[in-house]
C-alpha cells in the first residue's frame, strides 16, 4: 500500500541487511512497478480466458454445422442440393430454402 507522505520525506525500511532509508519517490516507484506487474498478469490471464471462450464458441458452432459427407438431396423436401452448397458446408442435409425456413422458425 502506498504511504501518503510528502514527496521529499524519507521512509525507513528494514530488510535483512538492516534499516535503509529510501525516498518516498523510490517507494512509490517500487509500489507502482509491483502494481503494473500485477495488472499485466491480470490482463494476460483475461486474454487467455477470452481466447479459451472464443475457442469453445468456435467449436460449438463447428459442431452445429455438421461433419461428414453432404447429402445430394434435401432430407426435408427431397429437392437436389446444389453441388456448390454440398462442397461449401460439410454435412449439409437440407437445401437453402428448407434451411432458411428452419432458422427463421427456431428464433
PDB file of N, CA and C in Angstrom:
ATOM      1  N   UNK A   1       0.849  -1.172   0.000  1.00  0.00           N
ATOM      2  CA  UNK A   1       0.000   0.000   0.000  1.00  0.00           C
ATOM      3  C   UNK A   1       0.895   1.236   0.000  1.00  0.00           C
ATOM      4  N   UNK A   2       0.559   2.219  -0.765  1.00  0.00           N
ATOM      5  CA  UNK A   2       1.353   3.433  -0.877  1.00  0.00           C
ATOM      6  C   UNK A   2       1.075   4.329   0.309  1.00  0.00           C
ATOM      7  N   UNK A   3       2.148   4.769   0.950  1.00  0.00           N
ATOM      8  CA  UNK A   3       2.018   5.697   2.071  1.00  0.00           C
ATOM      9  C   UNK A   3       1.864   7.097   1.530  1.00  0.00           C
ATOM     10  N   UNK A   4       0.953   7.850   2.083  1.00  0.00           N
ATOM     11  CA  UNK A   4       0.726   9.219   1.637  1.00  0.00           C
ATOM     12  C   UNK A   4       1.635  10.161   2.427  1.00  0.00           C
ATOM     13  N   UNK A   5       2.860  10.296   1.967  1.00  0.00           N
ATOM     14  CA  UNK A   5       3.852  11.141   2.619  1.00  0.00           C
ATOM     15  C   UNK A   5       4.281  12.241   1.670  1.00  0.00           C
ATOM     16  N   UNK A   6       4.763  13.357   2.224  1.00  0.00           N
ATOM     17  CA  UNK A   6       5.283  14.401   1.332  1.00  0.00           C
ATOM     18  C   UNK A   6       6.363  13.834   0.424  1.00  0.00           C
ATOM     19  N   UNK A   7       6.460  14.396  -0.766  1.00  0.00           N
ATOM     20  CA  UNK A   7       7.338  13.889  -1.817  1.00  0.00           C
ATOM     21  C   UNK A   7       8.792  13.778  -1.382  1.00  0.00           C
ATOM     22  N   UNK A   8       9.282  14.688  -0.593  1.00  0.00           N
ATOM     23  CA  UNK A   8      10.704  14.699  -0.243  1.00  0.00           C
ATOM     24  C   UNK A   8      11.012  13.953   1.044  1.00  0.00           C
ATOM     25  N   UNK A   9      10.008  13.504   1.740  1.00  0.00           N
ATOM     26  CA  UNK A   9      10.241  12.837   3.016  1.00  0.00           C
ATOM     27  C   UNK A   9      10.873  11.467   2.797  1.00  0.00           C
ATOM     28  N   UNK A  10      11.731  11.067   3.699  1.00  0.00           N
ATOM     29  CA  UNK A  10      12.358   9.752   3.624  1.00  0.00           C
ATOM     30  C   UNK A  10      11.553   8.738   4.412  1.00  0.00           C
ATOM     31  N   UNK A  11      11.609   7.503   3.995  1.00  0.00           N
ATOM     32  CA  UNK A  11      10.924   6.407   4.659  1.00  0.00           C
ATOM     33  C   UNK A  11      11.984   5.413   5.087  1.00  0.00           C
ATOM     34  N   UNK A  12      11.887   4.964   6.335  1.00  0.00           N
ATOM     35  CA  UNK A  12      12.849   3.981   6.823  1.00  0.00           C
ATOM     36  C   UNK A  12      12.248   2.602   6.606  1.00  0.00           C
ATOM     37  N   UNK A  13      13.005   1.770   5.935  1.00  0.00           N
ATOM     38  CA  UNK A  13      12.565   0.422   5.628  1.00  0.00           C
ATOM     39  C   UNK A  13      13.586  -0.549   6.194  1.00  0.00           C
ATOM     40  N   UNK A  14      13.105  -1.629   6.791  1.00  0.00           N
ATOM     41  CA  UNK A  14      14.057  -2.608   7.307  1.00  0.00           C
ATOM     42  C   UNK A  14      14.024  -3.839   6.419  1.00  0.00           C
ATOM     43  N   UNK A  15      15.181  -4.404   6.221  1.00  0.00           N
ATOM     44  CA  UNK A  15      15.301  -5.646   5.475  1.00  0.00           C
ATOM     45  C   UNK A  15      16.360  -6.492   6.156  1.00  0.00           C
ATOM     46  N   UNK A  16      16.765  -7.570   5.550  1.00  0.00           N
ATOM     47  CA  UNK A  16      17.733  -8.463   6.191  1.00  0.00           C
ATOM     48  C   UNK A  16      19.079  -7.780   6.437  1.00  0.00           C
ATOM     49  N   UNK A  17      19.425  -6.812   5.620  1.00  0.00           N
ATOM     50  CA  UNK A  17      20.703  -6.120   5.775  1.00  0.00           C
ATOM     51  C   UNK A  17      20.622  -5.015   6.826  1.00  0.00           C
ATOM     52  N   UNK A  18      19.470  -4.789   7.383  1.00  0.00           N
ATOM     53  CA  UNK A  18      19.298  -3.728   8.367  1.00  0.00           C
ATOM     54  C   UNK A  18      18.459  -2.609   7.798  1.00  0.00           C
ATOM     55  N   UNK A  19      18.183  -1.585   8.616  1.00  0.00           N
ATOM     56  CA  UNK A  19      17.345  -0.496   8.149  1.00  0.00           C
ATOM     57  C   UNK A  19      18.038   0.311   7.045  1.00  0.00           C
ATOM     58  N   UNK A  20      17.253   0.706   6.050  1.00  0.00           N
ATOM     59  CA  UNK A  20      17.778   1.556   4.989  1.00  0.00           C
ATOM     60  C   UNK A  20      16.820   2.724   4.816  1.00  0.00           C
ATOM     61  N   UNK A  21      17.332   3.790   4.289  1.00  0.00           N
ATOM     62  CA  UNK A  21      16.496   4.953   4.051  1.00  0.00           C
ATOM     63  C   UNK A  21      16.271   5.073   2.555  1.00  0.00           C
ATOM     64  N   UNK A  22      14.982   5.142   2.170  1.00  0.00           N
ATOM     65  CA  UNK A  22      14.643   5.340   0.768  1.00  0.00           C
ATOM     66  C   UNK A  22      13.722   6.550   0.690  1.00  0.00           C
ATOM     67  N   UNK A  23      13.741   7.194  -0.431  1.00  0.00           N
ATOM     68  CA  UNK A  23      12.865   8.349  -0.589  1.00  0.00           C
ATOM     69  C   UNK A  23      11.452   7.862  -0.867  1.00  0.00           C
ATOM     70  N   UNK A  24      10.512   8.727  -0.608  1.00  0.00           N
ATOM     71  CA  UNK A  24       9.116   8.408  -0.883  1.00  0.00           C
ATOM     72  C   UNK A  24       8.938   8.124  -2.369  1.00  0.00           C
ATOM     73  N   UNK A  25       9.659   8.849  -3.214  1.00  0.00           N
ATOM     74  CA  UNK A  25       9.572   8.634  -4.652  1.00  0.00           C
ATOM     75  C   UNK A  25      10.005   7.211  -5.004  1.00  0.00           C
ATOM     76  N   UNK A  26      11.090   6.745  -4.409  1.00  0.00           N
ATOM     77  CA  UNK A  26      11.549   5.379  -4.672  1.00  0.00           C
ATOM     78  C   UNK A  26      10.512   4.364  -4.221  1.00  0.00           C
ATOM     79  N   UNK A  27       9.885   4.607  -3.079  1.00  0.00           N
ATOM     80  CA  UNK A  27       8.851   3.697  -2.570  1.00  0.00           C
ATOM     81  C   UNK A  27       7.655   3.690  -3.508  1.00  0.00           C
ATOM     82  N   UNK A  28       7.237   4.871  -3.946  1.00  0.00           N
ATOM     83  CA  UNK A  28       6.116   4.948  -4.875  1.00  0.00           C
ATOM     84  C   UNK A  28       6.439   4.226  -6.179  1.00  0.00           C
ATOM     85  N   UNK A  29       7.663   4.400  -6.671  1.00  0.00           N
ATOM     86  CA  UNK A  29       8.059   3.737  -7.914  1.00  0.00           C
ATOM     87  C   UNK A  29       8.037   2.219  -7.746  1.00  0.00           C
ATOM     88  N   UNK A  30       8.513   1.768  -6.601  1.00  0.00           N
ATOM     89  CA  UNK A  30       8.520   0.336  -6.318  1.00  0.00           C
ATOM     90  C   UNK A  30       7.091  -0.204  -6.266  1.00  0.00           C
ATOM     91  N   UNK A  31       6.218   0.529  -5.564  1.00  0.00           N
ATOM     92  CA  UNK A  31       4.816   0.122  -5.471  1.00  0.00           C
ATOM     93  C   UNK A  31       4.154   0.153  -6.838  1.00  0.00           C
ATOM     94  N   UNK A  32       4.465   1.167  -7.637  1.00  0.00           N
ATOM     95  CA  UNK A  32       3.893   1.278  -8.970  1.00  0.00           C
ATOM     96  C   UNK A  32       4.333   0.121  -9.858  1.00  0.00           C
ATOM     97  N   UNK A  33       5.610  -0.235  -9.803  1.00  0.00           N
ATOM     98  CA  UNK A  33       6.109  -1.362 -10.594  1.00  0.00           C
ATOM     99  C   UNK A  33       5.411  -2.653 -10.201  1.00  0.00           C
ATOM    100  N   UNK A  34       5.201  -2.842  -8.908  1.00  0.00           N
ATOM    101  CA  UNK A  34       4.503  -4.030  -8.430  1.00  0.00           C
ATOM    102  C   UNK A  34       3.059  -4.027  -8.930  1.00  0.00           C
ATOM    103  N   UNK A  35       2.406  -2.862  -8.862  1.00  0.00           N
ATOM    104  CA  UNK A  35       1.027  -2.724  -9.330  1.00  0.00           C
ATOM    105  C   UNK A  35       0.934  -2.996 -10.827  1.00  0.00           C
ATOM    106  N   UNK A  36       1.861  -2.429 -11.604  1.00  0.00           N
ATOM    107  CA  UNK A  36       1.862  -2.637 -13.052  1.00  0.00           C
ATOM    108  C   UNK A  36       2.092  -4.100 -13.388  1.00  0.00           C
ATOM    109  N   UNK A  37       2.974  -4.745 -12.643  1.00  0.00           N
ATOM    110  CA  UNK A  37       3.249  -6.158 -12.867  1.00  0.00           C
ATOM    111  C   UNK A  37       1.987  -6.986 -12.631  1.00  0.00           C
ATOM    112  N   UNK A  38       1.271  -6.682 -11.549  1.00  0.00           N
ATOM    113  CA  UNK A  38       0.032  -7.405 -11.255  1.00  0.00           C
ATOM    114  C   UNK A  38      -1.009  -7.158 -12.340  1.00  0.00           C
ATOM    115  N   UNK A  39      -1.104  -5.894 -12.816  1.00  0.00           N
ATOM    116  CA  UNK A  39      -2.068  -5.591 -13.866  1.00  0.00           C
ATOM    117  C   UNK A  39      -1.722  -6.309 -15.159  1.00  0.00           C
ATOM    118  N   UNK A  40      -0.442  -6.407 -15.486  1.00  0.00           N
ATOM    119  CA  UNK A  40      -0.028  -7.118 -16.689  1.00  0.00           C
ATOM    120  C   UNK A  40      -0.391  -8.595 -16.591  1.00  0.00           C
ATOM    121  N   UNK A  41      -0.174  -9.179 -15.420  1.00  0.00           N
ATOM    122  CA  UNK A  41      -0.518 -10.589 -15.220  1.00  0.00           C
ATOM    123  C   UNK A  41      -2.025 -10.791 -15.331  1.00  0.00           C
ATOM    124  N   UNK A  42      -2.798  -9.884 -14.719  1.00  0.00           N
ATOM    125  CA  UNK A  42      -4.249  -9.989 -14.784  1.00  0.00           C
ATOM    126  C   UNK A  42      -4.740  -9.817 -16.217  1.00  0.00           C
ATOM    127  N   UNK A  43      -4.143  -8.896 -16.958  1.00  0.00           N
ATOM    128  CA  UNK A  43      -4.522  -8.687 -18.362  1.00  0.00           C
ATOM    129  C   UNK A  43      -4.202  -9.925 -19.188  1.00  0.00           C
ATOM    130  N   UNK A  44      -3.070 -10.539 -18.920  1.00  0.00           N
ATOM    131  CA  UNK A  44      -2.690 -11.751 -19.643  1.00  0.00           C
ATOM    132  C   UNK A  44      -3.644 -12.890 -19.333  1.00  0.00           C
ATOM    133  N   UNK A  45      -4.021 -13.026 -18.079  1.00  0.00           N
ATOM    134  CA  UNK A  45      -4.979 -14.068 -17.684  1.00  0.00           C
ATOM    135  C   UNK A  45      -6.329 -13.815 -18.348  1.00  0.00           C
ATOM    136  N   UNK A  46      -6.768 -12.564 -18.355  1.00  0.00           N
ATOM    137  CA  UNK A  46      -8.036 -12.221 -19.002  1.00  0.00           C
ATOM    138  C   UNK A  46      -7.991 -12.536 -20.486  1.00  0.00           C
ATOM    139  N   UNK A  47      -6.858 -12.255 -21.119  1.00  0.00           N
ATOM    140  CA  UNK A  47      -6.717 -12.539 -22.546  1.00  0.00           C
ATOM    141  C   UNK A  47      -6.778 -14.039 -22.804  1.00  0.00           C
ATOM    142  N   UNK A  48      -6.136 -14.821 -21.971  1.00  0.00           N
ATOM    143  CA  UNK A  48      -6.163 -16.277 -22.120  1.00  0.00           C
ATOM    144  C   UNK A  48      -7.585 -16.806 -21.949  1.00  0.00           C
ATOM    145  N   UNK A  49      -8.305 -16.300 -20.942  1.00  0.00           N
ATOM    146  CA  UNK A  49      -9.685 -16.735 -20.725  1.00  0.00           C
ATOM    147  C   UNK A  49     -10.577 -16.368 -21.902  1.00  0.00           C
ATOM    148  N   UNK A  50     -10.369 -15.188 -22.475  1.00  0.00           N
ATOM    149  CA  UNK A  50     -11.142 -14.769 -23.645  1.00  0.00           C
ATOM    150  C   UNK A  50     -10.862 -15.687 -24.827  1.00  0.00           C
ATOM    151  N   UNK A  51      -9.595 -16.019 -25.051  1.00  0.00           N
ATOM    152  CA  UNK A  51      -9.244 -16.930 -26.139  1.00  0.00           C
ATOM    153  C   UNK A  51      -9.873 -18.302 -25.941  1.00  0.00           C
ATOM    154  N   UNK A  52      -9.891 -18.777 -24.695  1.00  0.00           N
ATOM    155  CA  UNK A  52     -10.494 -20.076 -24.413  1.00  0.00           C
ATOM    156  C   UNK A  52     -11.997 -20.050 -24.680  1.00  0.00           C
ATOM    157  N   UNK A  53     -12.664 -18.945 -24.259  1.00  0.00           N
ATOM    158  CA  UNK A  53     -14.096 -18.816 -24.510  1.00  0.00           C
ATOM    159  C   UNK A  53     -14.378 -18.752 -26.005  1.00  0.00           C
ATOM    160  N   UNK A  54     -13.577 -17.986 -26.732  1.00  0.00           N
ATOM    161  CA  UNK A  54     -13.763 -17.880 -28.174  1.00  0.00           C
ATOM    162  C   UNK A  54     -13.544 -19.217 -28.855  1.00  0.00           C
ATOM    163  N   UNK A  55     -12.539 -19.947 -28.414  1.00  0.00           N
ATOM    164  CA  UNK A  55     -12.253 -21.258 -28.982  1.00  0.00           C
ATOM    165  C   UNK A  55     -13.420 -22.211 -28.730  1.00  0.00           C
ATOM    166  N   UNK A  56     -13.980 -22.158 -27.530  1.00  0.00           N
ATOM    167  CA  UNK A  56     -15.125 -23.009 -27.206  1.00  0.00           C
ATOM    168  C   UNK A  56     -16.332 -22.637 -28.060  1.00  0.00           C
ATOM    169  N   UNK A  57     -16.524 -21.342 -28.309  1.00  0.00           N
ATOM    170  CA  UNK A  57     -17.644 -20.894 -29.139  1.00  0.00           C
ATOM    171  C   UNK A  57     -17.476 -21.376 -30.581  1.00  0.00           C
ATOM    172  N   UNK A  58     -16.265 -21.290 -31.090  1.00  0.00           N
ATOM    173  CA  UNK A  58     -15.992 -21.766 -32.453  1.00  0.00           C
ATOM    174  C   UNK A  58     -16.242 -23.274 -32.534  1.00  0.00           C
ATOM    175  N   UNK A  59     -15.797 -24.005 -31.534  1.00  0.00           N
ATOM    176  CA  UNK A  59     -16.021 -25.456 -31.519  1.00  0.00           C
ATOM    177  C   UNK A  59     -17.512 -25.785 -31.497  1.00  0.00           C
ATOM    178  N   UNK A  60     -18.285 -25.016 -30.718  1.00  0.00           N
ATOM    179  CA  UNK A  60     -19.731 -25.246 -30.642  1.00  0.00           C
ATOM    180  C   UNK A  60     -20.396 -24.982 -31.993  1.00  0.00           C
ATOM    181  N   UNK A  61     -19.967 -23.926 -32.661  1.00  0.00           N
ATOM    182  CA  UNK A  61     -20.528 -23.608 -33.980  1.00  0.00           C
ATOM    183  C   UNK A  61     -20.164 -24.687 -34.986  1.00  0.00           C
ATOM    184  N   UNK A  62     -18.914 -25.138 -34.938  1.00  0.00           N
ATOM    185  CA  UNK A  62     -18.496 -26.211 -35.852  1.00  0.00           C
ATOM    186  C   UNK A  62     -19.305 -27.482 -35.627  1.00  0.00           C
ATOM    187  N   UNK A  63     -19.620 -27.772 -34.359  1.00  0.00           N
ATOM    188  CA  UNK A  63     -20.412 -28.965 -34.054  1.00  0.00           C
ATOM    189  C   UNK A  63     -21.828 -28.837 -34.625  1.00  0.00           C
ATOM    190  N   UNK A  64     -22.371 -27.614 -34.631  1.00  0.00           N
ATOM    191  CA  UNK A  64     -23.713 -27.411 -35.175  1.00  0.00           C
ATOM    192  C   UNK A  64     -23.738 -27.523 -36.691  1.00  0.00           C
ATOM    193  N   UNK A  65     -22.660 -27.109 -37.334  1.00  0.00           N
ATOM    194  CA  UNK A  65     -22.607 -27.112 -38.792  1.00  0.00           C
ATOM    195  C   UNK A  65     -22.727 -28.530 -39.325  1.00  0.00           C
ATOM    196  N   UNK A  66     -22.063 -29.443 -38.711  1.00  0.00           N
ATOM    197  CA  UNK A  66     -22.128 -30.827 -39.169  1.00  0.00           C
ATOM    198  C   UNK A  66     -20.799 -31.294 -39.696  1.00  0.00           C
ATOM    199  N   UNK A  67     -20.705 -32.584 -39.843  1.00  0.00           N
ATOM    200  CA  UNK A  67     -19.482 -33.192 -40.351  1.00  0.00           C
ATOM    201  C   UNK A  67     -19.864 -34.296 -41.325  1.00  0.00           C
ATOM    202  N   UNK A  68     -18.867 -34.789 -41.983  1.00  0.00           N
ATOM    203  CA  UNK A  68     -19.098 -35.896 -42.894  1.00  0.00           C
ATOM    204  C   UNK A  68     -19.592 -35.432 -44.249  1.00  0.00           C
ATOM    205  N   UNK A  69     -19.982 -36.377 -45.082  1.00  0.00           N
ATOM    206  CA  UNK A  69     -20.411 -36.026 -46.440  1.00  0.00           C
ATOM    207  C   UNK A  69     -21.787 -35.348 -46.435  1.00  0.00           C
ATOM    208  N   UNK A  70     -21.965 -34.451 -47.367  1.00  0.00           N
ATOM    209  CA  UNK A  70     -23.263 -33.791 -47.538  1.00  0.00           C
ATOM    210  C   UNK A  70     -24.201 -34.714 -48.311  1.00  0.00           C
ATOM    211  N   UNK A  71     -25.478 -34.529 -48.119  1.00  0.00           N
ATOM    212  CA  UNK A  71     -26.467 -35.292 -48.876  1.00  0.00           C
ATOM    213  C   UNK A  71     -26.642 -34.671 -50.261  1.00  0.00           C
ATOM    214  N   UNK A  72     -27.009 -35.479 -51.212  1.00  0.00           N
ATOM    215  CA  UNK A  72     -27.249 -34.958 -52.568  1.00  0.00           C
ATOM    216  C   UNK A  72     -28.653 -34.383 -52.704  1.00  0.00           C
ATOM    217  N   UNK A  73     -29.574 -34.831 -51.826  1.00  0.00           N
ATOM    218  CA  UNK A  73     -30.950 -34.344 -51.844  1.00  0.00           C
ATOM    219  C   UNK A  73     -31.369 -33.939 -50.430  1.00  0.00           C
ATOM    220  N   UNK A  74     -32.189 -32.926 -50.350  1.00  0.00           N
ATOM    221  CA  UNK A  74     -32.651 -32.380 -49.067  1.00  0.00           C
ATOM    222  C   UNK A  74     -33.465 -33.420 -48.308  1.00  0.00           C
ATOM    223  N   UNK A  75     -33.149 -33.593 -47.028  1.00  0.00           N
ATOM    224  CA  UNK A  75     -33.879 -34.568 -46.221  1.00  0.00           C
ATOM    225  C   UNK A  75     -35.269 -34.066 -45.836  1.00  0.00           C
ATOM    226  N   UNK A  76     -35.558 -32.779 -46.057  1.00  0.00           N
ATOM    227  CA  UNK A  76     -36.873 -32.224 -45.742  1.00  0.00           C
ATOM    228  C   UNK A  76     -37.828 -32.297 -46.937  1.00  0.00           C
ATOM    229  N   UNK A  77     -37.370 -31.778 -48.076  1.00  0.00           N
ATOM    230  CA  UNK A  77     -38.272 -31.675 -49.231  1.00  0.00           C
ATOM    231  C   UNK A  77     -37.909 -32.608 -50.386  1.00  0.00           C
ATOM    232  N   UNK A  78     -36.724 -33.177 -50.371  1.00  0.00           N
ATOM    233  CA  UNK A  78     -36.306 -34.102 -51.417  1.00  0.00           C
ATOM    234  C   UNK A  78     -35.695 -33.449 -52.646  1.00  0.00           C
ATOM    235  N   UNK A  79     -35.641 -32.115 -52.670  1.00  0.00           N
ATOM    236  CA  UNK A  79     -35.038 -31.413 -53.809  1.00  0.00           C
ATOM    237  C   UNK A  79     -33.523 -31.634 -53.810  1.00  0.00           C
ATOM    238  N   UNK A  80     -32.946 -31.541 -55.002  1.00  0.00           N
ATOM    239  CA  UNK A  80     -31.494 -31.698 -55.122  1.00  0.00           C
ATOM    240  C   UNK A  80     -30.784 -30.518 -54.456  1.00  0.00           C
ATOM    241  N   UNK A  81     -29.727 -30.818 -53.696  1.00  0.00           N
ATOM    242  CA  UNK A  81     -28.904 -29.777 -53.068  1.00  0.00           C
ATOM    243  C   UNK A  81     -27.802 -29.425 -54.056  1.00  0.00           C
ATOM    244  N   UNK A  82     -27.662 -28.142 -54.420  1.00  0.00           N
ATOM    245  CA  UNK A  82     -26.625 -27.755 -55.383  1.00  0.00           C
ATOM    246  C   UNK A  82     -25.229 -28.222 -54.946  1.00  0.00           C
ATOM    247  N   UNK A  83     -24.441 -28.616 -55.919  1.00  0.00           N
ATOM    248  CA  UNK A  83     -23.092 -29.132 -55.659  1.00  0.00           C
ATOM    249  C   UNK A  83     -22.249 -28.115 -54.883  1.00  0.00           C
ATOM    250  N   UNK A  84     -22.370 -26.845 -55.226  1.00  0.00           N
ATOM    251  CA  UNK A  84     -21.592 -25.804 -54.536  1.00  0.00           C
ATOM    252  C   UNK A  84     -21.923 -25.773 -53.045  1.00  0.00           C
ATOM    253  N   UNK A  85     -23.199 -25.933 -52.701  1.00  0.00           N
ATOM    254  CA  UNK A  85     -23.610 -25.947 -51.278  1.00  0.00           C
ATOM    255  C   UNK A  85     -23.060 -27.194 -50.590  1.00  0.00           C
ATOM    256  N   UNK A  86     -23.103 -28.316 -51.276  1.00  0.00           N
ATOM    257  CA  UNK A  86     -22.583 -29.552 -50.694  1.00  0.00           C
ATOM    258  C   UNK A  86     -21.101 -29.425 -50.360  1.00  0.00           C
ATOM    259  N   UNK A  87     -20.361 -28.737 -51.232  1.00  0.00           N
ATOM    260  CA  UNK A  87     -18.922 -28.579 -51.008  1.00  0.00           C
ATOM    261  C   UNK A  87     -18.618 -27.508 -49.962  1.00  0.00           C
ATOM    262  N   UNK A  88     -19.453 -26.483 -49.926  1.00  0.00           N
ATOM    263  CA  UNK A  88     -19.190 -25.362 -49.005  1.00  0.00           C
ATOM    264  C   UNK A  88     -19.520 -25.706 -47.564  1.00  0.00           C
ATOM    265  N   UNK A  89     -20.536 -26.548 -47.359  1.00  0.00           N
ATOM    266  CA  UNK A  89     -20.993 -26.843 -45.999  1.00  0.00           C
ATOM    267  C   UNK A  89     -20.891 -28.344 -45.761  1.00  0.00           C
ATOM    268  N   UNK A  90     -19.903 -28.727 -44.964  1.00  0.00           N
ATOM    269  CA  UNK A  90     -19.712 -30.152 -44.656  1.00  0.00           C
ATOM    270  C   UNK A  90     -20.928 -30.682 -43.905  1.00  0.00           C
ATOM    271  N   UNK A  91     -21.398 -31.841 -44.311  1.00  0.00           N
ATOM    272  CA  UNK A  91     -22.531 -32.459 -43.629  1.00  0.00           C
ATOM    273  C   UNK A  91     -23.859 -31.804 -43.939  1.00  0.00           C
ATOM    274  N   UNK A  92     -23.952 -31.078 -45.033  1.00  0.00           N
ATOM    275  CA  UNK A  92     -25.181 -30.385 -45.428  1.00  0.00           C
ATOM    276  C   UNK A  92     -26.292 -31.413 -45.647  1.00  0.00           C
ATOM    277  N   UNK A  93     -27.459 -31.184 -45.021  1.00  0.00           N
ATOM    278  CA  UNK A  93     -28.559 -32.131 -45.126  1.00  0.00           C
ATOM    279  C   UNK A  93     -29.825 -31.514 -45.710  1.00  0.00           C
ATOM    280  N   UNK A  94     -29.842 -30.180 -45.838  1.00  0.00           N
ATOM    281  CA  UNK A  94     -31.033 -29.505 -46.346  1.00  0.00           C
ATOM    282  C   UNK A  94     -30.675 -28.520 -47.453  1.00  0.00           C
ATOM    283  N   UNK A  95     -31.661 -28.223 -48.291  1.00  0.00           N
ATOM    284  CA  UNK A  95     -31.469 -27.205 -49.319  1.00  0.00           C
ATOM    285  C   UNK A  95     -31.524 -25.824 -48.663  1.00  0.00           C
ATOM    286  N   UNK A  96     -31.218 -24.806 -49.428  1.00  0.00           N
ATOM    287  CA  UNK A  96     -31.175 -23.444 -48.879  1.00  0.00           C
ATOM    288  C   UNK A  96     -32.543 -23.016 -48.366  1.00  0.00           C
ATOM    289  N   UNK A  97     -33.602 -23.299 -49.106  1.00  0.00           N
ATOM    290  CA  UNK A  97     -34.945 -22.891 -48.695  1.00  0.00           C
ATOM    291  C   UNK A  97     -35.355 -23.543 -47.377  1.00  0.00           C
ATOM    292  N   UNK A  98     -35.146 -24.852 -47.255  1.00  0.00           N
ATOM    293  CA  UNK A  98     -35.518 -25.557 -46.021  1.00  0.00           C
ATOM    294  C   UNK A  98     -34.665 -25.098 -44.842  1.00  0.00           C
ATOM    295  N   UNK A  99     -33.380 -24.845 -45.086  1.00  0.00           N
ATOM    296  CA  UNK A  99     -32.501 -24.370 -44.025  1.00  0.00           C
ATOM    297  C   UNK A  99     -32.932 -22.976 -43.559  1.00  0.00           C
ATOM    298  N   UNK A 100     -33.262 -22.100 -44.518  1.00  0.00           N
ATOM    299  CA  UNK A 100     -33.721 -20.752 -44.174  1.00  0.00           C
ATOM    300  C   UNK A 100     -35.006 -20.820 -43.364  1.00  0.00           C
ATOM    301  N   UNK A 101     -35.933 -21.666 -43.775  1.00  0.00           N
ATOM    302  CA  UNK A 101     -37.201 -21.834 -43.065  1.00  0.00           C
ATOM    303  C   UNK A 101     -36.950 -22.324 -41.630  1.00  0.00           C
ATOM    304  N   UNK A 102     -36.086 -23.314 -41.494  1.00  0.00           N
ATOM    305  CA  UNK A 102     -35.783 -23.863 -40.162  1.00  0.00           C
ATOM    306  C   UNK A 102     -35.153 -22.804 -39.253  1.00  0.00           C
ATOM    307  N   UNK A 103     -34.228 -22.028 -39.804  1.00  0.00           N
ATOM    308  CA  UNK A 103     -33.559 -20.997 -38.993  1.00  0.00           C
ATOM    309  C   UNK A 103     -34.530 -19.886 -38.608  1.00  0.00           C
ATOM    310  N   UNK A 104     -35.436 -19.541 -39.500  1.00  0.00           N
ATOM    311  CA  UNK A 104     -36.403 -18.488 -39.230  1.00  0.00           C
ATOM    312  C   UNK A 104     -37.322 -18.883 -38.078  1.00  0.00           C
ATOM    313  N   UNK A 105     -37.731 -20.146 -38.033  1.00  0.00           N
ATOM    314  CA  UNK A 105     -38.677 -20.586 -37.019  1.00  0.00           C
ATOM    315  C   UNK A 105     -38.033 -21.035 -35.715  1.00  0.00           C
ATOM    316  N   UNK A 106     -36.737 -21.176 -35.696  1.00  0.00           N
ATOM    317  CA  UNK A 106     -36.033 -21.517 -34.453  1.00  0.00           C
ATOM    318  C   UNK A 106     -36.030 -20.343 -33.475  1.00  0.00           C
ATOM    319  N   UNK A 107     -36.067 -19.134 -34.027  1.00  0.00           N
ATOM    320  CA  UNK A 107     -35.999 -17.916 -33.200  1.00  0.00           C
ATOM    321  C   UNK A 107     -37.243 -17.733 -32.477  1.00  0.00           C
TER     322      UNK A 107
END
